[in-house]
Amino acid sequence: MSANSQNSAATTVNSRATIIEPIKITKSVDLDFGNVISAFNPGKVVLSPNGDRIAQGVQISSTFPGNVTAAEAVVNHGNNKYSITLPQSFTLYSQEDPNQTLFIDEFKVNPETGETLDILKIGATLNLKAKQPAGLYTNSSGFNVTVSYN
């Protein structure tokens, strides 16, 4: 009696790759809290992603609001899912006295979604010290908004 046995087998495996465009982000509008009136006590200005301001402990002028804009960035994502990373905080420095600072935190983002492009609208909270010295506060290094494919 003899027995036949199979000692190997083979199959064909196809392979493929899809190359997608890298995700891109471009700033279109800077974050600007506008004109804020200092107070005897600390306070804050909350700027929503839609550009509305709410003052807490300080005043904002409706007559001279200044340039009030939530930040905006355009994300080209090619209809792929992605995540957004915003900073925990950011510091602004007085142009007249760099020892005088303002602290920004509580960043919020509202994406206006499209098929392959989204517009990110970004707001935050500006924190003022009691008797914050007058002047223009800025930081030329800017803050990072990072987008990454999931």
C-alpha atoms as a PDB file:
ATOM      1  CA  MET A   1       0.000   0.000   0.000  1.00  0.00           C
ATOM      2  CA  SER A   2       1.284   3.473  -0.842  1.00  0.00           C
ATOM      3  CA  ALA A   3       0.130   6.916   0.312  1.00  0.00           C
ATOM      4  CA  ASN A   4       0.578  10.224  -1.448  1.00  0.00           C
ATOM      5  CA  SER A   5       0.985  13.374   0.623  1.00  0.00           C
ATOM      6  CA  GLN A   6       1.320  17.014  -0.284  1.00  0.00           C
ATOM      7  CA  ASN A   7       4.381  18.677   1.148  1.00  0.00           C
ATOM      8  CA  SER A   8       3.830  22.272  -0.171  1.00  0.00           C
ATOM      9  CA  ALA A   9       1.180  24.662  -1.469  1.00  0.00           C
ATOM     10  CA  ALA A  10       1.213  28.098  -3.094  1.00  0.00           C
ATOM     11  CA  THR A  11      -1.128  30.989  -3.754  1.00  0.00           C
ATOM     12  CA  THR A  12      -0.768  34.308  -5.547  1.00  0.00           C
ATOM     13  CA  VAL A  13      -1.170  37.455  -3.466  1.00  0.00           C
ATOM     14  CA  ASN A  14      -1.815  40.731  -5.253  1.00  0.00           C
ATOM     15  CA  SER A  15      -0.560  43.979  -3.771  1.00  0.00           C
ATOM     16  CA  ARG A  16      -1.406  47.627  -4.191  1.00  0.00           C
ATOM     17  CA  ALA A  17      -0.831  51.031  -2.673  1.00  0.00           C
ATOM     18  CA  THR A  18      -2.816  54.257  -2.833  1.00  0.00           C
ATOM     19  CA  ILE A  19      -0.832  57.443  -2.554  1.00  0.00           C
ATOM     20  CA  ILE A  20      -2.783  60.346  -1.057  1.00  0.00           C
ATOM     21  CA  GLU A  21      -1.907  64.001  -0.997  1.00  0.00           C
ATOM     22  CA  PRO A  22      -0.242  65.185   2.208  1.00  0.00           C
ATOM     23  CA  ILE A  23      -2.530  67.089   4.536  1.00  0.00           C
ATOM     24  CA  LYS A  24      -2.043  70.860   4.251  1.00  0.00           C
ATOM     25  CA  ILE A  25      -3.000  73.752   6.515  1.00  0.00           C
ATOM     26  CA  THR A  26      -2.767  77.443   5.635  1.00  0.00           C
ATOM     27  CA  LYS A  27      -3.542  80.351   7.954  1.00  0.00           C
ATOM     28  CA  SER A  28      -5.986  82.828   6.455  1.00  0.00           C
ATOM     29  CA  VAL A  29      -6.840  85.094   9.452  1.00  0.00           C
ATOM     30  CA  ASP A  30      -4.922  85.915  12.654  1.00  0.00           C
ATOM     31  CA  LEU A  31      -6.474  85.796  16.146  1.00  0.00           C
ATOM     32  CA  ASP A  32      -7.247  89.348  17.361  1.00  0.00           C
ATOM     33  CA  PHE A  33      -9.066  90.196  20.591  1.00  0.00           C
ATOM     34  CA  GLY A  34      -9.476  93.860  19.594  1.00  0.00           C
ATOM     35  CA  ASN A  35      -9.483  96.726  22.085  1.00  0.00           C
ATOM     36  CA  VAL A  36      -9.861  95.835  25.770  1.00  0.00           C
ATOM     37  CA  ILE A  37     -10.072  98.318  28.656  1.00  0.00           C
ATOM     38  CA  SER A  38      -7.937  97.426  31.674  1.00  0.00           C
ATOM     39  CA  ALA A  39      -9.568  97.172  35.105  1.00  0.00           C
ATOM     40  CA  PHE A  40      -8.538  97.313  38.761  1.00  0.00           C
ATOM     41  CA  ASN A  41      -9.152  93.577  39.031  1.00  0.00           C
ATOM     42  CA  PRO A  42      -7.996  90.707  36.836  1.00  0.00           C
ATOM     43  CA  GLY A  43     -10.341  89.779  34.019  1.00  0.00           C
ATOM     44  CA  LYS A  44     -10.657  87.958  30.754  1.00  0.00           C
ATOM     45  CA  VAL A  45     -12.046  88.226  27.271  1.00  0.00           C
ATOM     46  CA  VAL A  46     -13.485  85.087  25.702  1.00  0.00           C
ATOM     47  CA  LEU A  47     -13.386  85.177  21.909  1.00  0.00           C
ATOM     48  CA  SER A  48     -15.509  82.402  20.424  1.00  0.00           C
ATOM     49  CA  PRO A  49     -14.620  80.658  17.151  1.00  0.00           C
ATOM     50  CA  ASN A  50     -17.463  82.601  15.481  1.00  0.00           C
ATOM     51  CA  GLY A  51     -15.881  85.932  16.540  1.00  0.00           C
ATOM     52  CA  ASP A  52     -18.165  86.917  19.446  1.00  0.00           C
ATOM     53  CA  ARG A  53     -16.459  88.481  22.480  1.00  0.00           C
ATOM     54  CA  ILE A  54     -17.567  88.230  26.091  1.00  0.00           C
ATOM     55  CA  ALA A  55     -15.792  90.319  28.738  1.00  0.00           C
ATOM     56  CA  GLN A  56     -15.476  89.109  32.328  1.00  0.00           C
ATOM     57  CA  GLY A  57     -14.061  91.628  34.823  1.00  0.00           C
ATOM     58  CA  VAL A  58     -12.874  93.995  32.065  1.00  0.00           C
ATOM     59  CA  GLN A  59     -14.659  96.146  29.512  1.00  0.00           C
ATOM     60  CA  ILE A  60     -14.747  96.054  25.749  1.00  0.00           C
ATOM     61  CA  SER A  61     -15.730  99.126  23.798  1.00  0.00           C
ATOM     62  CA  SER A  62     -18.570  98.890  21.321  1.00  0.00           C
ATOM     63  CA  THR A  63     -17.596 102.345  19.990  1.00  0.00           C
ATOM     64  CA  PHE A  64     -13.927 101.415  19.421  1.00  0.00           C
ATOM     65  CA  PRO A  65     -13.890  97.609  19.290  1.00  0.00           C
ATOM     66  CA  GLY A  66     -10.679  97.429  17.266  1.00  0.00           C
ATOM     67  CA  ASN A  67     -10.059  94.556  14.888  1.00  0.00           C
ATOM     68  CA  VAL A  68     -11.854  91.549  16.426  1.00  0.00           C
ATOM     69  CA  THR A  69     -11.331  88.275  14.566  1.00  0.00           C
ATOM     70  CA  ALA A  70     -11.239  84.629  15.433  1.00  0.00           C
ATOM     71  CA  ALA A  71      -8.326  82.887  13.738  1.00  0.00           C
ATOM     72  CA  GLU A  72      -8.993  80.925  10.568  1.00  0.00           C
ATOM     73  CA  ALA A  73      -7.028  78.255   8.756  1.00  0.00           C
ATOM     74  CA  VAL A  74      -7.858  76.230   5.666  1.00  0.00           C
ATOM     75  CA  VAL A  75      -7.209  72.475   5.813  1.00  0.00           C
ATOM     76  CA  ASN A  76      -6.854  70.500   2.575  1.00  0.00           C
ATOM     77  CA  HIS A  77      -7.514  66.917   3.681  1.00  0.00           C
ATOM     78  CA  GLY A  78      -8.662  65.192   0.487  1.00  0.00           C
ATOM     79  CA  ASN A  79     -11.754  63.762   2.223  1.00  0.00           C
ATOM     80  CA  ASN A  80      -9.620  61.905   4.812  1.00  0.00           C
ATOM     81  CA  LYS A  81     -10.174  62.023   8.578  1.00  0.00           C
ATOM     82  CA  TYR A  82      -7.743  64.073  10.654  1.00  0.00           C
ATOM     83  CA  SER A  83      -7.187  65.406  14.151  1.00  0.00           C
ATOM     84  CA  ILE A  84      -6.498  68.977  15.292  1.00  0.00           C
ATOM     85  CA  THR A  85      -4.006  69.934  18.004  1.00  0.00           C
ATOM     86  CA  LEU A  86      -4.122  73.418  19.566  1.00  0.00           C
ATOM     87  CA  PRO A  87      -1.738  74.848  22.157  1.00  0.00           C
ATOM     88  CA  GLN A  88      -2.491  74.686  25.879  1.00  0.00           C
ATOM     89  CA  SER A  89      -1.467  78.336  26.248  1.00  0.00           C
ATOM     90  CA  PHE A  90       0.320  81.174  24.499  1.00  0.00           C
ATOM     91  CA  THR A  91       1.966  84.382  25.758  1.00  0.00           C
ATOM     92  CA  LEU A  92       1.723  87.863  24.248  1.00  0.00           C
ATOM     93  CA  TYR A  93       4.350  90.497  25.055  1.00  0.00           C
ATOM     94  CA  SER A  94       3.944  94.269  25.275  1.00  0.00           C
ATOM     95  CA  GLN A  95       5.774  95.995  22.438  1.00  0.00           C
ATOM     96  CA  GLU A  96       6.697  98.809  24.848  1.00  0.00           C
ATOM     97  CA  ASP A  97       7.802  96.622  27.776  1.00  0.00           C
ATOM     98  CA  PRO A  98       8.496  92.921  27.045  1.00  0.00           C
ATOM     99  CA  ASN A  99       8.238  92.204  30.802  1.00  0.00           C
ATOM    100  CA  GLN A 100       4.503  92.918  30.549  1.00  0.00           C
ATOM    101  CA  THR A 101       2.620  89.891  29.255  1.00  0.00           C
ATOM    102  CA  LEU A 102      -0.853  88.605  28.480  1.00  0.00           C
ATOM    103  CA  PHE A 103      -1.736  84.942  28.692  1.00  0.00           C
ATOM    104  CA  ILE A 104      -4.012  83.174  26.186  1.00  0.00           C
ATOM    105  CA  ASP A 105      -5.529  79.762  26.928  1.00  0.00           C
ATOM    106  CA  GLU A 106      -8.709  77.700  26.505  1.00  0.00           C
ATOM    107  CA  PHE A 107      -8.361  77.489  22.730  1.00  0.00           C
ATOM    108  CA  LYS A 108     -11.515  76.314  20.944  1.00  0.00           C
ATOM    109  CA  VAL A 109     -11.964  75.259  17.328  1.00  0.00           C
ATOM    110  CA  ASN A 110     -15.046  75.027  15.154  1.00  0.00           C
ATOM    111  CA  PRO A 111     -14.403  73.284  11.822  1.00  0.00           C
ATOM    112  CA  GLU A 112     -16.637  74.268   8.913  1.00  0.00           C
ATOM    113  CA  THR A 113     -16.421  71.064   6.942  1.00  0.00           C
ATOM    114  CA  GLY A 114     -16.364  70.596   3.215  1.00  0.00           C
ATOM    115  CA  GLU A 115     -15.723  67.615   0.980  1.00  0.00           C
ATOM    116  CA  THR A 116     -11.948  68.028   0.666  1.00  0.00           C
ATOM    117  CA  LEU A 117     -11.371  71.417   2.356  1.00  0.00           C
ATOM    118  CA  ASP A 118     -12.333  72.573   5.854  1.00  0.00           C
ATOM    119  CA  ILE A 119     -12.133  76.025   7.410  1.00  0.00           C
ATOM    120  CA  LEU A 120     -11.012  75.934  11.042  1.00  0.00           C
ATOM    121  CA  LYS A 121     -12.303  78.866  13.101  1.00  0.00           C
ATOM    122  CA  ILE A 122     -10.320  79.256  16.313  1.00  0.00           C
ATOM    123  CA  GLY A 123     -11.130  81.254  19.433  1.00  0.00           C
ATOM    124  CA  ALA A 124      -9.482  81.488  22.836  1.00  0.00           C
ATOM    125  CA  THR A 125      -9.504  83.270  26.200  1.00  0.00           C
ATOM    126  CA  LEU A 126      -7.339  86.329  26.868  1.00  0.00           C
ATOM    127  CA  ASN A 127      -6.385  86.707  30.549  1.00  0.00           C
ATOM    128  CA  LEU A 128      -5.581  90.172  31.914  1.00  0.00           C
ATOM    129  CA  LYS A 129      -3.869  91.057  35.184  1.00  0.00           C
ATOM    130  CA  ALA A 130      -5.249  93.744  37.462  1.00  0.00           C
ATOM    131  CA  LYS A 131      -4.296  97.172  36.102  1.00  0.00           C
ATOM    132  CA  GLN A 132      -2.835  95.654  32.909  1.00  0.00           C
ATOM    133  CA  PRO A 133      -0.598  98.342  31.334  1.00  0.00           C
ATOM    134  CA  ALA A 134      -1.926  99.823  28.092  1.00  0.00           C
ATOM    135  CA  GLY A 135      -0.222  99.012  24.796  1.00  0.00           C
ATOM    136  CA  LEU A 136      -0.106  96.581  21.905  1.00  0.00           C
ATOM    137  CA  TYR A 137       0.606  92.979  22.952  1.00  0.00           C
ATOM    138  CA  THR A 138       1.779  90.486  20.361  1.00  0.00           C
ATOM    139  CA  ASN A 139       4.095  87.541  19.791  1.00  0.00           C
ATOM    140  CA  SER A 140       5.716  87.338  16.368  1.00  0.00           C
ATOM    141  CA  SER A 141       6.423  83.612  16.731  1.00  0.00           C
ATOM    142  CA  GLY A 142       2.682  82.844  16.592  1.00  0.00           C
ATOM    143  CA  PHE A 143       1.089  79.686  17.955  1.00  0.00           C
ATOM    144  CA  ASN A 144       0.909  76.328  16.217  1.00  0.00           C
ATOM    145  CA  VAL A 145      -2.232  74.681  14.920  1.00  0.00           C
ATOM    146  CA  THR A 146      -1.375  71.130  13.892  1.00  0.00           C
ATOM    147  CA  VAL A 147      -3.468  68.777  11.777  1.00  0.00           C
ATOM    148  CA  SER A 148      -2.616  65.091  11.345  1.00  0.00           C
ATOM    149  CA  TYR A 149      -4.264  62.282   9.444  1.00  0.00           C
ATOM    150  CA  ASN A 150      -5.884  59.715  11.726  1.00  0.00           C
END
